Protein backbone atom coordinates (compact mmCIF):
# COMPACT_ATOMS: atom_id res chain seq x y z
CA MET A 1 265.38 -9.23 107.02
CA ASN A 2 268.49 -6.98 106.10
CA MET A 3 268.84 -8.57 102.73
CA ARG A 4 272.17 -7.29 101.73
CA ILE A 5 271.96 -5.02 98.38
CA PRO A 6 274.96 -4.48 96.62
CA SER A 7 276.30 -1.49 96.44
CA GLU A 8 277.65 -1.58 93.01
CA ARG A 9 273.96 -1.96 91.84
CA PHE A 10 273.49 1.32 92.17
CA GLY A 11 276.28 3.84 90.41
CA ASN A 12 276.61 7.62 91.64
CA VAL A 13 273.69 8.65 93.52
CA ALA A 14 273.01 12.07 95.06
CA VAL A 15 270.52 12.77 97.81
CA ALA A 16 268.38 15.23 96.91
CA MET A 17 267.95 17.41 99.54
CA GLY A 18 267.19 20.97 101.02
CA GLY A 19 265.08 22.81 98.23
CA SER A 20 263.23 26.18 99.20
CA ALA A 21 260.01 24.61 99.96
CA ALA A 22 258.79 24.95 103.92
CA GLU A 23 260.28 22.23 104.98
CA ARG A 24 263.57 22.73 103.87
CA GLU A 25 264.88 22.19 107.58
CA ILE A 26 263.42 19.02 108.36
CA SER A 27 264.56 17.52 104.19
CA LEU A 28 268.10 18.25 105.14
CA LEU A 29 267.82 16.25 108.56
CA SER A 30 266.41 13.30 106.79
CA GLY A 31 268.98 13.33 103.17
CA GLN A 32 271.71 14.03 105.93
CA ALA A 33 270.75 10.76 107.75
CA VAL A 34 269.79 9.01 104.71
CA LEU A 35 274.04 10.42 102.72
CA LYS A 36 275.27 8.85 106.06
CA ALA A 37 273.79 5.27 105.85
CA LEU A 38 274.03 5.02 101.55
CA GLN A 39 277.97 6.13 102.58
CA LYS A 40 278.41 3.94 105.13
CA GLN A 41 276.98 0.83 102.96
CA GLY A 42 280.00 1.71 100.48
CA VAL A 43 277.17 3.52 98.05
CA ASP A 44 278.97 6.50 95.78
CA ALA A 45 276.77 9.27 96.91
CA ILE A 46 277.00 12.59 97.65
CA GLN A 47 274.66 15.64 98.79
CA PHE A 48 272.42 17.67 96.40
CA ASP A 49 270.75 20.69 98.12
CA THR A 50 268.32 22.32 94.95
CA LYS A 51 268.74 25.22 96.33
CA VAL A 52 272.45 25.34 95.83
CA SER A 53 272.51 23.72 92.27
CA SER A 54 270.78 23.55 89.10
CA LEU A 55 269.17 20.23 88.71
CA ASP A 56 271.04 20.09 84.95
CA GLU A 57 274.82 19.57 87.25
CA LEU A 58 273.25 16.01 87.65
CA LYS A 59 274.23 15.37 84.11
CA LYS A 60 277.54 16.81 84.37
CA MET A 61 278.19 14.72 87.09
CA GLY A 62 277.40 11.66 85.76
CA ILE A 63 274.50 10.84 88.77
CA ASP A 64 273.34 7.36 87.81
CA ARG A 65 269.95 7.77 90.41
CA VAL A 66 268.86 9.92 92.76
CA PHE A 67 267.51 9.50 95.94
CA ASN A 68 264.63 12.10 96.76
CA MET A 69 264.75 13.27 100.54
CA LEU A 70 262.93 16.74 99.00
CA HIS A 71 259.89 17.45 101.06
CA GLY A 72 257.23 19.77 99.94
CA ARG A 73 257.05 21.37 96.98
CA GLY A 74 259.40 21.79 94.33
CA GLY A 75 260.34 17.60 95.47
CA GLU A 76 257.52 15.83 96.89
CA ASP A 77 254.49 17.80 93.82
CA GLY A 78 256.14 16.29 90.84
CA GLN A 79 258.24 19.19 89.48
CA LEU A 80 261.38 16.99 90.11
CA GLN A 81 260.10 14.19 89.19
CA GLY A 82 259.08 15.81 85.66
CA ALA A 83 262.92 17.35 85.40
CA LEU A 84 264.15 14.28 86.14
CA ASP A 85 262.48 11.75 83.70
CA LEU A 86 263.42 14.46 80.67
CA LEU A 87 267.27 14.09 82.28
CA GLY A 88 266.97 10.10 81.94
CA ILE A 89 267.98 10.21 85.40
CA SER A 90 265.61 7.45 87.80
CA TYR A 91 264.86 8.04 91.10
CA THR A 92 263.50 6.73 94.34
CA GLY A 93 259.74 7.13 94.86
CA SER A 94 256.20 7.80 93.38
CA GLY A 95 256.03 9.07 89.30
CA VAL A 96 254.87 12.91 88.07
CA LEU A 97 251.31 11.78 88.38
CA GLY A 98 251.34 9.90 92.16
CA SER A 99 253.95 13.20 93.29
CA ALA A 100 251.44 15.43 92.36
CA LEU A 101 247.79 13.59 93.54
CA GLY A 102 250.32 12.73 96.74
CA MET A 103 251.15 15.99 97.38
CA ASP A 104 247.13 17.87 96.94
CA LYS A 105 245.32 16.82 99.71
CA LEU A 106 242.46 18.22 97.38
CA ARG A 107 243.09 16.20 94.34
CA THR A 108 243.75 13.36 97.16
CA LYS A 109 239.94 13.55 98.25
CA LEU A 110 238.52 13.56 94.82
CA CYS A 111 240.29 10.54 93.73
CA TRP A 112 239.48 8.72 96.57
CA LEU A 113 235.94 9.30 96.19
CA GLY A 114 235.78 7.75 92.91
CA ALA A 115 237.75 5.02 94.01
CA GLY A 116 235.34 4.11 97.13
CA ILE A 117 238.06 4.87 99.46
CA PRO A 118 236.46 6.12 102.75
CA THR A 119 237.82 9.44 103.90
CA PRO A 120 236.19 12.77 106.09
CA GLU A 121 233.95 14.87 104.28
CA TRP A 122 235.32 18.35 103.36
CA MET A 123 234.82 21.42 101.54
CA VAL A 124 236.50 23.87 99.60
CA LEU A 125 237.20 27.44 101.83
CA SER A 126 237.22 29.98 98.47
CA SER A 127 236.41 33.38 101.00
CA THR A 128 235.51 34.11 104.16
CA LEU A 129 232.25 33.83 103.22
CA ASP A 130 232.15 29.93 103.16
CA VAL A 131 232.66 29.83 106.75
CA GLU A 132 228.87 30.53 107.07
CA ARG A 133 228.27 27.24 104.76
CA CYS A 134 231.17 24.97 105.87
CA ALA A 135 229.88 25.58 109.75
CA THR A 136 225.79 24.40 108.22
CA GLU A 137 227.17 21.67 105.96
CA LEU A 138 230.04 20.10 108.13
CA GLY A 139 229.23 21.50 111.75
CA PHE A 140 232.35 21.52 114.28
CA PRO A 141 235.26 20.53 114.84
CA VAL A 142 236.78 21.06 111.73
CA MET A 143 240.32 20.84 110.23
CA VAL A 144 241.40 23.22 107.96
CA LYS A 145 244.67 22.65 105.84
CA PRO A 146 246.08 24.12 103.02
CA ALA A 147 245.99 22.03 100.07
CA LEU A 148 249.91 21.91 99.43
CA GLU A 149 251.99 21.23 102.36
CA GLY A 150 253.63 18.69 104.30
CA SER A 151 254.39 18.22 107.91
CA SER A 152 250.72 19.63 109.33
CA LEU A 153 252.15 23.37 108.52
CA GLY A 154 249.19 25.77 108.70
CA MET A 155 246.43 23.26 109.36
CA ALA A 156 244.34 23.80 112.74
CA LYS A 157 241.70 22.47 114.20
CA ALA A 158 238.19 24.71 114.53
CA ASP A 159 236.11 24.46 117.08
CA ASN A 160 233.24 27.57 116.24
CA LYS A 161 233.06 30.04 113.43
CA GLN A 162 235.77 32.50 114.88
CA GLN A 163 238.33 30.01 115.05
CA LEU A 164 237.31 28.90 111.54
CA GLU A 165 237.54 32.07 110.32
CA GLU A 166 241.22 32.68 111.99
CA ALA A 167 242.45 29.31 110.97
CA PHE A 168 241.28 29.31 106.85
CA LYS A 169 242.88 33.22 107.13
CA GLU A 170 246.40 31.67 108.11
CA ALA A 171 246.26 28.84 106.14
CA LEU A 172 245.57 31.51 102.94
CA LYS A 173 249.04 32.37 103.28
CA PHE A 174 250.75 29.24 101.97
CA GLY A 175 249.27 30.27 98.91
CA CYS A 176 247.30 27.17 97.53
CA ASP A 177 243.79 25.85 97.49
CA VAL A 178 242.21 25.52 101.50
CA MET A 179 239.65 22.70 102.69
CA ALA A 180 238.14 22.01 105.64
CA GLU A 181 237.46 18.39 107.08
CA GLN A 182 235.24 16.85 109.07
CA TRP A 183 237.21 16.19 112.58
CA VAL A 184 237.34 12.56 113.41
CA GLU A 185 237.61 11.67 116.89
CA GLY A 186 239.48 8.15 117.38
CA ALA A 187 242.48 6.58 116.89
CA GLU A 188 245.33 7.64 114.58
CA PHE A 189 247.39 5.39 112.38
CA THR A 190 250.13 5.37 110.19
CA VAL A 191 250.83 2.73 107.38
CA ALA A 192 254.31 2.42 106.12
CA ILE A 193 254.41 1.33 102.37
CA LEU A 194 258.03 -0.22 100.99
CA ALA A 195 258.15 -1.88 97.85
CA ASP A 196 254.67 -2.65 97.33
CA LYS A 197 254.16 -4.14 100.81
CA ALA A 198 252.85 -2.56 104.13
CA LEU A 199 254.62 -2.65 107.02
CA PRO A 200 253.89 -3.04 110.86
CA MET A 201 251.32 -0.24 111.53
CA ILE A 202 252.21 2.18 114.23
CA ARG A 203 249.05 3.90 116.41
CA LEU A 204 250.25 7.65 117.55
CA GLU A 205 248.93 8.90 120.62
CA THR A 206 249.98 12.44 121.53
CA PRO A 207 248.52 15.37 123.81
CA ASN A 208 248.59 17.85 121.59
CA ALA A 209 244.86 18.54 119.56
CA PHE A 210 246.24 16.67 116.26
CA TYR A 211 249.44 14.96 115.40
CA ASP A 212 250.97 18.50 114.65
CA TYR A 213 254.13 20.13 113.18
CA GLU A 214 255.29 19.80 116.72
CA ALA A 215 253.89 16.33 118.18
CA LYS A 216 255.84 15.18 114.87
CA TYR A 217 259.05 17.19 115.19
CA ALA A 218 259.57 19.13 118.29
CA THR A 219 258.82 17.18 121.24
CA ASN A 220 259.29 14.00 122.79
CA THR A 221 255.52 13.13 124.20
CA THR A 222 254.50 11.78 121.27
CA GLN A 223 254.03 8.12 121.75
CA TYR A 224 254.13 5.21 118.74
CA HIS A 225 252.94 1.84 119.38
CA CYS A 226 253.85 -0.53 117.23
CA PRO A 227 252.61 -3.20 117.39
CA CYS A 228 249.47 -1.05 116.88
CA GLY A 229 247.42 -3.18 119.16
CA LEU A 230 244.76 -3.94 116.34
CA SER A 231 244.09 -7.64 115.74
CA ALA A 232 246.23 -9.32 112.95
CA GLU A 233 242.86 -9.22 111.24
CA GLN A 234 241.93 -5.85 111.54
CA GLU A 235 245.84 -4.29 111.07
CA LYS A 236 245.71 -6.75 107.82
CA ALA A 237 242.42 -5.50 106.27
CA LEU A 238 243.83 -1.68 106.74
CA GLN A 239 247.16 -2.63 105.08
CA THR A 240 245.20 -3.90 102.16
CA LEU A 241 243.12 -0.34 102.28
CA SER A 242 245.94 1.27 102.32
CA LEU A 243 248.19 0.02 99.82
CA LYS A 244 244.79 0.37 97.40
CA ALA A 245 244.82 4.16 98.09
CA PHE A 246 248.20 4.67 97.61
CA LYS A 247 247.84 2.76 94.56
CA ALA A 248 244.70 4.59 93.44
CA LEU A 249 246.70 7.86 93.74
CA GLY A 250 249.87 6.56 91.60
CA GLY A 251 252.03 5.91 94.55
CA GLU A 252 255.17 3.71 93.76
CA GLY A 253 258.41 2.66 95.40
CA TRP A 254 257.30 3.83 98.85
CA GLY A 255 255.82 6.15 100.76
CA ARG A 256 252.83 6.48 103.74
CA VAL A 257 249.22 6.39 104.25
CA ASP A 258 247.66 8.14 107.37
CA LEU A 259 244.32 6.94 108.31
CA MET A 260 242.24 7.32 111.58
CA LEU A 261 239.47 4.50 113.29
CA ASP A 262 236.88 6.63 114.46
CA GLN A 263 234.38 5.82 117.00
CA ALA A 264 232.57 3.12 114.99
CA GLY A 265 235.55 1.76 114.27
CA GLN A 266 235.20 2.50 110.53
CA PRO A 267 238.59 3.67 108.98
CA GLN A 268 238.72 6.99 107.69
CA LEU A 269 241.91 7.62 105.39
CA LEU A 270 243.75 10.91 106.04
CA GLU A 271 246.48 11.82 103.18
CA ILE A 272 249.47 9.95 101.53
CA ASN A 273 253.16 10.78 101.53
CA THR A 274 255.25 9.96 98.72
CA VAL A 275 258.44 11.52 100.58
CA PRO A 276 258.39 10.52 104.21
CA GLY A 277 260.29 11.95 106.99
CA MET A 278 263.78 9.40 107.69
CA THR A 279 264.40 11.69 111.11
CA ASP A 280 265.19 10.03 114.09
CA HIS A 281 261.37 10.85 114.82
CA SER A 282 260.25 9.47 111.64
CA LEU A 283 257.62 6.69 111.21
CA VAL A 284 258.62 4.46 108.59
CA PRO A 285 262.06 3.74 110.27
CA MET A 286 259.96 3.09 113.41
CA ALA A 287 257.51 0.30 111.05
CA ALA A 288 260.73 -0.98 109.19
CA LYS A 289 262.35 -1.86 112.46
CA GLN A 290 259.61 -3.56 113.89
CA ALA A 291 259.90 -5.58 110.47
CA GLY A 292 263.64 -6.58 111.16
CA ILE A 293 264.74 -4.02 109.00
CA ASP A 294 267.14 -1.37 110.22
CA PHE A 295 267.50 2.23 108.99
CA ASP A 296 270.63 0.92 106.94
CA ALA A 297 268.89 -1.40 105.34
CA LEU A 298 265.95 0.37 104.72
CA VAL A 299 267.68 2.93 103.03
CA LEU A 300 269.09 0.71 100.56
CA ARG A 301 266.12 -1.47 100.04
CA ILE A 302 264.54 2.47 99.19
CA LEU A 303 267.10 3.32 97.02
CA ASP A 304 266.53 -0.30 95.60
CA THR A 305 263.64 0.71 93.81
CA SER A 306 264.89 3.26 92.08
CA VAL A 307 266.36 0.16 90.02
CA MET A 308 263.57 -0.64 87.88
CA ARG A 309 262.15 2.46 87.04
CA VAL A 310 262.17 3.17 83.25
CA SER A 311 264.16 6.35 82.21
CA VAL A 312 263.23 7.98 78.90
């Protein structure tokens, strides 16, 4: 499965990482891993921290394409993508539309509603006055989420009105829309996508209340099952649904779709990630490995998806 892609195909590559978002540290870890893999395979690649350097410098440096490893706002929400489009520099991952929609959990929900994609019921929390309405309409427990953060930052489970009000106030600190989502009991899965194809699914198990920031990056108690334990027919159906959900938001190149199977065995899609992590705890490399694609080959394949992007 590790097909060799000529390194000279890519020209001069900048690995965008760091930035100023809340996920800066994870972005640096992902970016360094990608940079090391590219350089190891003969790609002329450099580190580019957008917190330190202006994007205008990319043109002066003769950069041909950007491997985007900027997690969160500024790098994953269409801002970087729009700037690179104007500079005429190709990049990995989704374009402006797919990035903006995929980063916004609220708009993701609205798009999926229109596309007939199953997703848990939700409501926007605009003030503490919405706590009572949420308790009536959604019941408990619920998951509270800032709409524009990744890595589970600011997310909290609420089992009663007091916890809901506290979670809402904490989520407000992230300076974006806050939503409450109906809690789903069941198995959690993720579907990695590479070049419009779904990789083997991973089933996640954590002793935490949910797959939060700690479970993702700071603990070794999370279990990752790949093969995921579903029948081949079930897995294929969920992969197809995930690809549909990804494309409905304008997703391109590579990414990840997170979902759950509720107690009735029905899929409930949660969100997509257009710049997934590439650390030693990350899910896309795990899925790729199960498909026979090692980390170095995966990095080249992701970079190769930028070759076909049309620059202005």
